[in-house]
Amino acid sequence: MASLLKLLLLWVFTLLSDVRGMDPARPNIVILFADDLGYGDLESYGHPTSHTPHLNSLADNGLRFTQFYVTSPVCSPSRAGLLTGRYQTRSGIWPGVFTPDKTGGLPLNETTVAEVLKPLGYHTAIVGKWHLGVGKDNKYLPPNQGFDEYYGIPYSHDMCPCKVCFYPNDNCLNGCDPEYTGCPVYDGLDIVEQPADLVTLHERYANRSVSIIAENAKEGKPFLLYYAFQHTHHPKYAGKDFRNSTIRGPFGDALAELDDGVGQVMKQLETSGVLENTLVVFTSDNGPSLHWESIGGNAGLLKCGKGTTYEGGQRVPAIISWKGRITPGRTTELGSTLDVLPTICNIVGTPLPNVTLDGVDIGSLLFNNAKSPRDRFIYYPTEANPDIGIYAVRYKQYKAHYYTQGSGNSDVRNHDEDCRPSAKRTAHDPPLLFDLHQDASEQFDLSNDSSYASILQQIQKVKTDFEATMVFGTSQNQERSPSVEPCCNGSCQPFPECCTCKATDKLEDFKLRYVPQH
């Protein structure tokens, strides 16, 4: 009788799990990826005037990292690192970022996290910013990289002409690129709007994300949702509900919209009954764009910002949550976006891709409060170059700068001259050395203190060992052609101004510049 009761209970649990998407071996994965959000921009990381109640709740119910890194201080290479678990240099995503007229993209032989999960029965979706290339015939877009569903703009929304950014029809506050076509909004491989209406973009991104969760949870199908926000990249924008909604001004309004997107996702996970079977990862692609000063974000106590290999460029806020599985709290252990793919592979019980991976499985840290298996991190600059190589190495609490360089993204008027673009690439021998546990702002160089000689030797060995494994992939970011710029009206004239289609137009009336390769 007891055995029969156990079998009955097991059958009921299995039935409920299938109906509600609660298969513990196939948890849902949600990656919330902010853009240009600095280490000091969130309330939970100490900002005094940001308003982020939903991210506060995520932090209260998740594990908040204080030492979490991305692989690059700029967009495209950082996104490659997140999706592949590999430094972008291996994939050829160097130097710099993709513009709309670049012919390359993330090579199709790279294995993304979507391509890991899709064979396991996951519905894989991306909403928002891609920025890993479009290419001829949409070759490099997400539907060709393992994603079943794609809705969003394929690059930064400043890489297009922009006029209206704030409700109802207020101008954008900083510059965009007028030489390219208007920002296209893709649904799959079809352009459904061009130029993008930034005032309503957040609402559509959030609605699509919520629908993906609701539909797949209803079907009992596990899903990957990669929600890649355009916020808080410039130009800042905000719709009706968030324009002038905060005391932090335009940046605060844009951040409030981002926070609302996080809130809608978390609410839908709960409403759909799958919150307790969903791993949620929130982080940013790089540090803040200090170039835009008061509306450009904040790196907190960290040195410099976007575009540099100082801490402000690559150390970012990060929160990882799984209700009932991850104990809420704060950790000073090391983590990186590189670790997302291998950690997910372990969680779902699938082999790692058969390539050189730079990420490690941090499951023991997340679920058992153990020490992180990551004890080192390599810093590559914006304009990565195989002839120059590594700019800095972190080993345990120490960081050695072999090269330093400022950036326009960290502001020509930055109070710290090291951050400015006038600070050209400078080699250091011995490398500058900082104890990041005691000096997170990188102010006090220890390299001339003989008591740290052995530390420098250990870091040099880490660098040498890593370099022995690094083979730069063929650069995908060299060739340009206006012919690859997305245009919903095909080969129209005058180009690019003629590339205009409204979301209310019939989809069958749209003509892509090239026929998509489905």
Protein backbone atom coordinates (compact mmCIF):
# COMPACT_ATOMS: atom_id res chain seq x y z
CA MET A 1 0.00 0.00 0.00
CA ALA A 2 2.83 2.38 0.91
CA SER A 3 4.57 1.66 -2.39
CA LEU A 4 1.34 2.35 -4.27
CA LEU A 5 0.95 5.66 -2.45
CA LYS A 6 4.51 6.66 -3.33
CA LEU A 7 3.92 5.85 -6.98
CA LEU A 8 0.69 7.88 -6.93
CA LEU A 9 2.43 10.88 -5.38
CA LEU A 10 5.27 10.62 -7.90
CA TRP A 11 2.76 10.53 -10.77
CA VAL A 12 0.94 13.62 -9.42
CA PHE A 13 4.22 15.53 -9.01
CA THR A 14 5.32 14.61 -12.52
CA LEU A 15 1.96 15.67 -13.95
CA LEU A 16 2.03 19.01 -12.12
CA SER A 17 5.63 19.61 -13.10
CA ASP A 18 4.82 19.03 -16.75
CA VAL A 19 1.79 21.31 -16.67
CA ARG A 20 3.46 24.15 -14.82
CA GLY A 21 6.91 23.96 -16.43
CA MET A 22 8.48 22.73 -13.18
CA ASP A 23 10.86 20.00 -14.36
CA PRO A 24 13.80 20.48 -11.95
CA ALA A 25 16.18 18.97 -14.51
CA ARG A 26 15.11 21.54 -17.09
CA PRO A 27 14.87 24.88 -15.24
CA ASN A 28 14.03 28.00 -17.18
CA ILE A 29 16.88 30.45 -17.77
CA VAL A 30 16.37 34.22 -17.79
CA ILE A 31 19.33 36.49 -18.57
CA LEU A 32 18.66 40.20 -18.03
CA PHE A 33 21.49 42.16 -19.65
CA ALA A 34 21.68 45.91 -19.11
CA ASP A 35 23.67 48.22 -21.40
CA ASP A 36 26.33 50.64 -20.10
CA LEU A 37 25.06 50.29 -16.53
CA GLY A 38 27.82 51.17 -14.09
CA TYR A 39 28.88 49.54 -10.85
CA GLY A 40 27.52 52.50 -8.90
CA ASP A 41 24.21 53.04 -10.71
CA LEU A 42 21.81 50.85 -8.70
CA GLU A 43 20.21 51.54 -5.33
CA SER A 44 21.42 48.15 -4.14
CA TYR A 45 24.98 49.16 -5.03
CA GLY A 46 24.76 52.46 -3.19
CA HIS A 47 23.41 55.09 -5.58
CA PRO A 48 21.51 57.66 -3.50
CA THR A 49 18.98 58.88 -6.11
CA SER A 50 18.32 55.95 -8.46
CA HIS A 51 14.84 54.43 -8.19
CA THR A 52 15.00 50.68 -8.85
CA PRO A 53 12.45 48.91 -6.61
CA HIS A 54 12.29 45.75 -8.75
CA LEU A 55 16.06 45.38 -8.91
CA ASN A 56 16.14 46.05 -5.17
CA SER A 57 13.75 43.11 -4.72
CA LEU A 58 15.86 40.93 -7.02
CA ALA A 59 18.94 41.81 -4.96
CA ASP A 60 17.11 41.12 -1.69
CA ASN A 61 16.09 37.69 -2.95
CA GLY A 62 19.24 36.79 -4.85
CA LEU A 63 23.01 36.64 -4.55
CA ARG A 64 24.58 40.06 -5.15
CA PHE A 65 28.13 40.00 -6.49
CA THR A 66 30.63 42.72 -5.64
CA GLN A 67 33.41 41.35 -7.86
CA PHE A 68 31.82 40.31 -11.14
CA TYR A 69 33.45 40.92 -14.51
CA VAL A 70 32.66 41.14 -18.21
CA THR A 71 35.17 40.26 -20.90
CA SER A 72 35.40 43.67 -22.53
CA PRO A 73 34.77 47.32 -21.67
CA VAL A 74 32.53 47.70 -24.77
CA CYS A 75 29.39 46.08 -26.17
CA SER A 76 30.01 43.54 -28.96
CA PRO A 77 32.97 41.64 -27.50
CA SER A 78 31.33 41.57 -24.07
CA ARG A 79 28.18 40.00 -25.54
CA ALA A 80 30.26 37.37 -27.34
CA GLY A 81 31.85 36.42 -24.02
CA LEU A 82 28.47 36.07 -22.32
CA LEU A 83 26.89 33.90 -25.01
CA THR A 84 29.87 31.60 -25.70
CA GLY A 85 31.79 31.37 -22.41
CA ARG A 86 34.91 32.31 -24.37
CA TYR A 87 37.02 35.42 -24.59
CA GLN A 88 35.95 37.38 -27.65
CA THR A 89 39.45 37.24 -29.07
CA ARG A 90 39.01 33.52 -29.74
CA SER A 91 35.84 34.25 -31.74
CA GLY A 92 37.29 37.07 -33.82
CA ILE A 93 35.10 39.73 -32.18
CA TRP A 94 37.91 42.27 -32.20
CA PRO A 95 38.78 45.10 -32.42
CA GLY A 96 35.96 47.26 -31.09
CA VAL A 97 32.24 46.96 -31.84
CA PHE A 98 30.11 46.25 -34.89
CA THR A 99 28.63 49.19 -36.76
CA PRO A 100 25.63 48.66 -39.10
CA ASP A 101 27.86 48.53 -42.19
CA LYS A 102 30.27 45.87 -40.87
CA THR A 103 30.05 42.66 -42.91
CA GLY A 104 31.13 40.28 -40.14
CA GLY A 105 29.52 38.85 -37.04
CA LEU A 106 29.73 36.12 -34.43
CA PRO A 107 30.99 33.12 -36.44
CA LEU A 108 28.29 30.51 -36.95
CA ASN A 109 30.62 27.76 -35.72
CA GLU A 110 30.68 29.35 -32.25
CA THR A 111 28.35 27.60 -29.79
CA THR A 112 25.98 29.97 -28.01
CA VAL A 113 24.06 29.24 -24.83
CA ALA A 114 20.95 29.04 -27.04
CA GLU A 115 22.56 26.29 -29.11
CA VAL A 116 23.38 24.42 -25.91
CA LEU A 117 19.78 24.52 -24.67
CA LYS A 118 17.77 24.17 -27.88
CA PRO A 119 18.56 20.44 -28.42
CA LEU A 120 17.27 19.80 -24.89
CA GLY A 121 13.81 20.99 -25.85
CA TYR A 122 14.14 24.60 -24.73
CA HIS A 123 12.37 27.45 -26.49
CA THR A 124 15.18 29.97 -26.97
CA ALA A 125 14.37 33.66 -27.31
CA ILE A 126 16.14 37.00 -27.36
CA VAL A 127 14.40 40.31 -26.87
CA GLY A 128 16.37 43.52 -27.35
CA LYS A 129 19.89 44.36 -28.45
CA TRP A 130 21.95 41.77 -30.34
CA HIS A 131 25.10 43.63 -31.46
CA LEU A 132 26.97 40.61 -32.77
CA GLY A 133 26.60 41.41 -36.46
CA VAL A 134 23.89 41.36 -39.10
CA GLY A 135 25.79 40.49 -42.27
CA LYS A 136 24.61 39.85 -45.79
CA ASP A 137 21.23 38.09 -45.93
CA ASN A 138 20.96 38.52 -42.13
CA LYS A 139 23.60 35.82 -41.81
CA TYR A 140 24.62 36.55 -38.21
CA LEU A 141 21.28 37.40 -36.62
CA PRO A 142 19.98 35.36 -33.64
CA PRO A 143 17.73 32.97 -35.64
CA ASN A 144 20.95 31.67 -37.20
CA GLN A 145 22.68 31.41 -33.80
CA GLY A 146 20.33 29.02 -32.00
CA PHE A 147 17.47 31.36 -31.09
CA ASP A 148 13.93 30.31 -32.01
CA GLU A 149 12.61 33.82 -31.47
CA TYR A 150 14.09 37.28 -31.90
CA TYR A 151 12.52 40.68 -31.39
CA GLY A 152 14.72 43.74 -31.21
CA ILE A 153 17.28 46.12 -32.65
CA PRO A 154 20.46 44.41 -33.89
CA TYR A 155 22.88 47.01 -32.45
CA SER A 156 23.08 50.11 -30.27
CA HIS A 157 20.31 52.60 -30.92
CA ASP A 158 22.80 55.46 -31.32
CA MET A 159 24.05 53.82 -34.53
CA CYS A 160 21.12 55.35 -36.42
CA PRO A 161 19.59 58.79 -36.89
CA CYS A 162 17.55 59.73 -33.83
CA LYS A 163 15.16 62.61 -33.22
CA VAL A 164 12.56 61.76 -30.57
CA CYS A 165 13.64 60.02 -27.36
CA PHE A 166 11.19 61.15 -24.69
CA TYR A 167 7.42 61.20 -24.42
CA PRO A 168 5.57 62.80 -26.07
CA ASN A 169 7.97 64.08 -28.73
CA ASP A 170 10.99 65.54 -26.94
CA ASN A 171 14.35 65.53 -28.65
CA CYS A 172 17.22 63.18 -27.89
CA LEU A 173 19.85 64.74 -25.65
CA ASN A 174 22.99 63.48 -27.30
CA GLY A 175 24.29 62.45 -30.67
CA CYS A 176 23.47 59.57 -32.97
CA ASP A 177 24.91 58.43 -36.32
CA PRO A 178 22.94 60.07 -39.16
CA GLU A 179 24.91 58.34 -41.90
CA TYR A 180 23.30 54.93 -41.33
CA THR A 181 19.77 53.63 -41.94
CA GLY A 182 17.16 54.15 -39.25
CA CYS A 183 17.28 51.64 -36.41
CA PRO A 184 15.40 48.52 -37.58
CA VAL A 185 13.20 46.47 -35.28
CA TYR A 186 13.37 42.82 -36.28
CA ASP A 187 10.85 40.09 -35.59
CA GLY A 188 12.76 36.97 -36.52
CA LEU A 189 14.48 37.81 -39.80
CA ASP A 190 11.85 40.36 -40.85
CA ILE A 191 12.07 44.10 -40.26
CA VAL A 192 8.74 45.19 -38.77
CA GLU A 193 9.57 48.81 -38.02
CA GLN A 194 12.17 51.29 -39.25
CA PRO A 195 13.15 53.61 -37.69
CA ALA A 196 12.41 52.28 -34.22
CA ASP A 197 9.99 54.29 -32.10
CA LEU A 198 12.08 54.69 -28.94
CA VAL A 199 9.21 56.19 -26.94
CA THR A 200 7.24 52.91 -27.12
CA LEU A 201 10.17 50.49 -27.41
CA HIS A 202 10.34 49.54 -23.73
CA GLU A 203 6.65 48.67 -23.63
CA ARG A 204 7.01 46.38 -26.65
CA TYR A 205 10.17 44.71 -25.34
CA ALA A 206 8.55 44.05 -21.96
CA ASN A 207 5.31 42.77 -23.52
CA ARG A 208 7.20 40.36 -25.76
CA SER A 209 9.27 39.07 -22.85
CA VAL A 210 6.19 38.52 -20.70
CA SER A 211 4.44 36.70 -23.55
CA ILE A 212 7.40 34.36 -24.03
CA ILE A 213 7.28 33.41 -20.36
CA ALA A 214 3.50 33.00 -20.25
CA GLU A 215 3.18 30.95 -23.43
CA ASN A 216 6.00 28.53 -22.67
CA ALA A 217 5.01 28.10 -19.03
CA LYS A 218 1.44 27.29 -20.13
CA GLU A 219 2.77 24.64 -22.50
CA GLY A 220 5.12 23.22 -19.85
CA LYS A 221 8.09 23.93 -22.12
CA PRO A 222 11.40 25.08 -20.62
CA PHE A 223 12.68 28.35 -22.03
CA LEU A 224 15.70 30.59 -22.32
CA LEU A 225 14.83 34.29 -22.30
CA TYR A 226 17.76 36.57 -23.06
CA TYR A 227 16.37 40.07 -22.46
CA ALA A 228 19.09 42.44 -23.65
CA PHE A 229 18.01 45.95 -22.76
CA GLN A 230 18.88 48.96 -24.90
CA HIS A 231 18.88 50.88 -21.59
CA THR A 232 21.00 52.61 -20.30
CA HIS A 233 23.02 53.21 -23.48
CA HIS A 234 22.83 56.68 -24.99
CA PRO A 235 20.75 58.34 -26.22
CA LYS A 236 18.62 57.95 -23.10
CA TYR A 237 14.91 57.50 -23.82
CA ALA A 238 11.72 57.05 -21.82
CA GLY A 239 8.02 56.64 -22.59
CA LYS A 240 4.89 58.10 -21.08
CA ASP A 241 5.03 56.28 -17.75
CA PHE A 242 8.66 57.10 -16.99
CA ARG A 243 9.46 60.48 -18.55
CA ASN A 244 10.33 62.88 -15.69
CA SER A 245 9.52 60.12 -13.20
CA THR A 246 12.72 60.29 -11.12
CA ILE A 247 14.88 62.90 -9.44
CA ARG A 248 17.96 61.54 -11.23
CA GLY A 249 16.90 63.09 -14.54
CA PRO A 250 17.13 61.44 -17.99
CA PHE A 251 19.46 58.65 -16.84
CA GLY A 252 17.19 57.94 -13.88
CA ASP A 253 14.12 57.83 -16.14
CA ALA A 254 15.81 55.36 -18.52
CA LEU A 255 16.96 53.25 -15.58
CA ALA A 256 13.43 53.29 -14.15
CA GLU A 257 12.15 51.88 -17.46
CA LEU A 258 14.77 49.14 -17.32
CA ASP A 259 13.77 48.39 -13.74
CA ASP A 260 10.14 48.15 -14.83
CA GLY A 261 11.13 45.56 -17.44
CA VAL A 262 12.82 43.50 -14.73
CA GLY A 263 9.70 43.84 -12.58
CA GLN A 264 7.37 42.69 -15.34
CA VAL A 265 9.53 39.64 -16.04
CA MET A 266 9.69 38.64 -12.38
CA LYS A 267 5.96 39.17 -11.91
CA GLN A 268 5.15 36.97 -14.90
CA LEU A 269 7.45 34.22 -13.67
CA GLU A 270 5.48 34.21 -10.43
CA THR A 271 2.08 34.49 -12.11
CA SER A 272 2.92 31.60 -14.43
CA GLY A 273 3.99 29.46 -11.50
CA VAL A 274 7.58 28.96 -12.66
CA LEU A 275 9.54 31.36 -10.44
CA GLU A 276 10.81 28.50 -8.29
CA ASN A 277 12.11 26.70 -11.38
CA THR A 278 13.87 29.64 -13.01
CA LEU A 279 17.48 30.78 -12.80
CA VAL A 280 17.64 34.57 -13.20
CA VAL A 281 20.90 36.34 -14.03
CA PHE A 282 21.07 40.14 -14.07
CA THR A 283 24.19 42.06 -15.05
CA SER A 284 25.56 44.70 -17.44
CA ASP A 285 27.67 44.49 -20.60
CA ASN A 286 30.32 46.98 -19.45
CA GLY A 287 30.88 50.02 -17.28
CA PRO A 288 29.20 53.43 -17.60
CA SER A 289 29.66 55.82 -20.51
CA LEU A 290 31.17 58.68 -18.50
CA HIS A 291 31.54 60.62 -21.74
CA TRP A 292 27.94 61.75 -21.26
CA GLU A 293 28.76 63.00 -17.78
CA SER A 294 25.65 63.52 -15.61
CA ILE A 295 23.46 61.45 -17.95
CA GLY A 296 26.08 58.80 -18.62
CA GLY A 297 26.09 56.55 -15.58
CA ASN A 298 28.29 56.03 -12.56
CA ALA A 299 31.09 53.62 -11.68
CA GLY A 300 30.86 54.24 -7.93
CA LEU A 301 34.23 53.98 -6.21
CA LEU A 302 35.82 52.24 -9.21
CA LYS A 303 38.38 53.94 -11.46
CA CYS A 304 37.32 55.20 -14.91
CA GLY A 305 34.49 53.59 -16.90
CA LYS A 306 33.48 52.26 -20.30
CA GLY A 307 36.27 51.72 -22.80
CA THR A 308 39.03 51.15 -20.23
CA THR A 309 40.50 48.11 -18.51
CA TYR A 310 40.42 49.84 -15.16
CA GLU A 311 37.85 48.38 -12.77
CA GLY A 312 35.15 50.87 -13.76
CA GLY A 313 35.22 49.54 -17.31
CA GLN A 314 34.79 45.83 -16.63
CA ARG A 315 33.56 45.27 -13.07
CA VAL A 316 29.77 45.44 -13.16
CA PRO A 317 26.75 44.90 -10.92
CA ALA A 318 25.47 41.32 -10.97
CA ILE A 319 22.62 39.54 -9.21
CA ILE A 320 21.84 35.83 -9.60
CA SER A 321 18.58 34.47 -8.21
CA TRP A 322 16.72 31.19 -8.01
CA LYS A 323 13.97 31.12 -5.42
CA GLY A 324 14.43 28.26 -3.01
CA ARG A 325 17.77 27.22 -4.51
CA ILE A 326 20.13 30.18 -4.09
CA THR A 327 20.45 31.64 -0.60
CA PRO A 328 20.01 35.43 -0.77
CA GLY A 329 22.98 37.49 0.30
CA ARG A 330 26.15 39.23 -0.85
CA THR A 331 29.36 37.65 -2.05
CA THR A 332 32.86 38.98 -2.55
CA GLU A 333 33.83 35.89 -4.55
CA LEU A 334 34.88 36.31 -8.19
CA GLY A 335 32.48 35.68 -11.05
CA SER A 336 32.19 36.56 -14.71
CA THR A 337 29.78 36.44 -17.62
CA LEU A 338 32.17 33.80 -18.96
CA ASP A 339 30.85 31.50 -16.25
CA VAL A 340 27.19 31.67 -17.30
CA LEU A 341 27.37 29.06 -20.07
CA PRO A 342 29.36 26.37 -18.19
CA THR A 343 27.22 26.86 -15.07
CA ILE A 344 24.04 26.42 -17.11
CA CYS A 345 25.48 23.31 -18.77
CA ASN A 346 26.05 21.74 -15.36
CA ILE A 347 22.60 22.72 -14.09
CA VAL A 348 20.78 21.13 -17.04
CA GLY A 349 23.15 18.16 -17.21
CA THR A 350 24.52 18.60 -20.70
CA PRO A 351 28.17 18.31 -21.84
CA LEU A 352 30.23 21.44 -22.39
CA PRO A 353 30.86 22.51 -25.99
CA ASN A 354 33.94 20.84 -27.44
CA VAL A 355 35.98 24.05 -27.61
CA THR A 356 38.40 25.93 -25.39
CA LEU A 357 36.23 27.58 -22.74
CA ASP A 358 37.32 30.39 -20.46
CA GLY A 359 34.35 30.17 -18.11
CA VAL A 360 34.05 27.92 -15.06
CA ASP A 361 31.05 26.34 -13.37
CA ILE A 362 30.23 28.50 -10.32
CA GLY A 363 27.36 26.26 -9.20
CA SER A 364 29.13 25.42 -5.94
CA LEU A 365 29.24 29.12 -5.08
CA LEU A 366 25.61 29.68 -6.04
CA PHE A 367 24.05 26.64 -4.39
CA ASN A 368 26.45 25.64 -1.62
CA ASN A 369 27.97 28.97 -0.58
CA ALA A 370 31.39 27.54 -1.40
CA LYS A 371 34.38 29.50 -2.63
CA SER A 372 34.32 30.41 -6.29
CA PRO A 373 36.44 28.21 -8.56
CA ARG A 374 37.39 31.43 -10.37
CA ASP A 375 40.58 32.97 -8.97
CA ARG A 376 41.81 34.89 -12.03
CA PHE A 377 40.60 37.20 -14.75
CA ILE A 378 42.16 38.51 -17.96
CA TYR A 379 41.51 42.03 -19.24
CA TYR A 380 41.54 42.80 -22.97
CA PRO A 381 41.10 46.39 -24.21
CA THR A 382 38.45 47.82 -26.51
CA GLU A 383 40.78 47.64 -29.50
CA ALA A 384 42.16 44.18 -28.80
CA ASN A 385 45.24 43.40 -30.86
CA PRO A 386 47.18 40.12 -31.04
CA ASP A 387 50.45 42.08 -31.31
CA ILE A 388 49.77 43.75 -27.96
CA GLY A 389 47.75 41.08 -26.17
CA ILE A 390 46.67 41.28 -22.55
CA TYR A 391 46.34 44.64 -20.81
CA ALA A 392 45.86 43.41 -17.25
CA VAL A 393 45.58 40.27 -15.13
CA ARG A 394 43.78 39.73 -11.86
CA TYR A 395 44.91 36.84 -9.66
CA LYS A 396 43.05 36.41 -6.39
CA GLN A 397 42.89 39.92 -4.89
CA TYR A 398 45.73 41.40 -6.92
CA LYS A 399 45.62 43.10 -10.30
CA ALA A 400 48.61 43.86 -12.51
CA HIS A 401 48.38 46.40 -15.36
CA TYR A 402 50.82 45.61 -18.17
CA TYR A 403 49.27 48.39 -20.24
CA THR A 404 46.95 51.25 -19.34
CA GLN A 405 44.96 53.52 -21.64
CA GLY A 406 42.16 56.06 -21.31
CA SER A 407 39.09 56.28 -23.51
CA GLY A 408 36.72 58.82 -25.00
CA ASN A 409 33.94 56.77 -23.41
CA SER A 410 35.35 57.72 -20.01
CA ASP A 411 35.21 61.46 -20.87
CA VAL A 412 37.69 63.99 -22.16
CA ARG A 413 37.04 66.07 -19.01
CA ASN A 414 37.27 63.25 -16.47
CA HIS A 415 38.76 64.47 -13.19
CA ASP A 416 41.15 61.51 -13.38
CA GLU A 417 43.56 62.14 -16.25
CA ASP A 418 44.26 58.40 -16.55
CA CYS A 419 40.70 57.93 -17.83
CA ARG A 420 40.81 60.56 -20.56
CA PRO A 421 41.40 59.72 -24.24
CA SER A 422 44.57 61.81 -23.99
CA ALA A 423 46.02 59.02 -21.82
CA LYS A 424 47.52 56.97 -24.63
CA ARG A 425 48.51 53.33 -24.36
CA THR A 426 51.38 53.07 -21.90
CA ALA A 427 53.41 49.93 -21.17
CA HIS A 428 54.44 49.23 -17.57
CA ASP A 429 57.49 47.19 -16.60
CA PRO A 430 57.14 46.15 -13.88
CA PRO A 431 53.37 46.18 -14.23
CA LEU A 432 51.36 48.43 -11.92
CA LEU A 433 50.07 46.36 -9.02
CA PHE A 434 46.97 46.95 -6.90
CA ASP A 435 45.37 45.06 -4.03
CA LEU A 436 41.71 45.24 -5.05
CA HIS A 437 40.45 44.06 -1.66
CA GLN A 438 42.01 47.08 0.03
CA ASP A 439 42.15 49.47 -2.92
CA ALA A 440 39.24 48.91 -5.31
CA SER A 441 39.81 52.39 -6.76
CA GLU A 442 43.30 51.45 -8.00
CA GLN A 443 45.05 54.41 -6.38
CA PHE A 444 48.04 52.92 -4.62
CA ASP A 445 50.60 51.15 -6.79
CA LEU A 446 52.48 48.36 -4.99
CA SER A 447 54.81 47.36 -7.82
CA ASN A 448 57.91 48.98 -6.30
CA ASP A 449 57.41 47.34 -2.92
CA SER A 450 59.79 44.37 -2.81
CA SER A 451 57.49 42.45 -0.47
CA TYR A 452 55.11 41.98 -3.43
CA ALA A 453 57.73 40.57 -5.80
CA SER A 454 56.44 37.02 -5.43
CA ILE A 455 52.88 38.19 -6.20
CA LEU A 456 54.07 39.74 -9.45
CA GLN A 457 55.83 36.48 -10.31
CA GLN A 458 52.65 34.49 -9.73
CA ILE A 459 50.64 36.88 -11.87
CA GLN A 460 53.23 36.70 -14.63
CA LYS A 461 52.89 32.91 -14.63
CA VAL A 462 49.10 33.20 -14.88
CA LYS A 463 49.56 35.54 -17.83
CA THR A 464 52.13 33.30 -19.56
CA ASP A 465 50.03 30.15 -19.07
CA PHE A 466 46.92 31.86 -20.43
CA GLU A 467 48.73 33.31 -23.44
CA ALA A 468 49.88 29.80 -24.34
CA THR A 469 46.23 28.83 -24.84
CA MET A 470 45.10 31.96 -26.70
CA VAL A 471 44.70 31.84 -30.46
CA PHE A 472 43.10 34.98 -31.86
CA GLY A 473 40.32 34.16 -34.29
CA THR A 474 40.21 35.94 -37.63
CA SER A 475 38.86 39.42 -37.01
CA GLN A 476 35.19 39.74 -37.96
CA ASN A 477 35.21 43.49 -37.48
CA GLN A 478 37.30 44.85 -40.33
CA GLU A 479 35.31 45.03 -43.58
CA ARG A 480 32.53 47.53 -44.29
CA SER A 481 29.82 47.74 -46.93
CA PRO A 482 26.68 49.93 -47.02
CA SER A 483 24.96 47.03 -48.76
CA VAL A 484 24.63 45.13 -45.47
CA GLU A 485 22.85 47.94 -43.64
CA PRO A 486 19.31 46.75 -42.83
CA CYS A 487 16.65 48.40 -45.00
CA CYS A 488 12.98 47.41 -45.06
CA ASN A 489 12.50 48.87 -48.55
CA GLY A 490 15.17 46.91 -50.38
CA SER A 491 17.33 48.81 -52.85
CA CYS A 492 15.36 52.03 -52.57
CA GLN A 493 16.54 55.55 -53.24
CA PRO A 494 17.57 57.93 -51.81
CA PHE A 495 19.47 55.61 -49.50
CA PRO A 496 19.50 55.52 -46.50
CA GLU A 497 16.62 57.97 -45.96
CA CYS A 498 14.18 55.79 -47.91
CA CYS A 499 14.45 52.91 -45.41
CA THR A 500 11.23 53.73 -43.58
CA CYS A 501 8.41 51.38 -42.57
CA LYS A 502 5.83 51.72 -39.81
CA ALA A 503 4.88 48.96 -37.41
CA THR A 504 1.29 49.30 -38.62
CA ASP A 505 2.24 48.46 -42.21
CA LYS A 506 1.45 44.98 -43.47
CA LEU A 507 4.37 42.62 -43.07
CA GLU A 508 3.92 41.28 -46.60
CA ASP A 509 4.53 44.79 -47.95
CA PHE A 510 8.01 44.92 -46.45
CA LYS A 511 10.92 44.18 -48.74
CA LEU A 512 14.21 43.25 -47.12
CA ARG A 513 17.43 44.38 -48.70
CA TYR A 514 18.26 40.70 -49.10
CA VAL A 515 16.17 37.56 -49.05
CA PRO A 516 16.67 35.93 -45.62
CA GLN A 517 18.24 32.49 -45.49
CA HIS A 518 15.78 30.57 -43.33
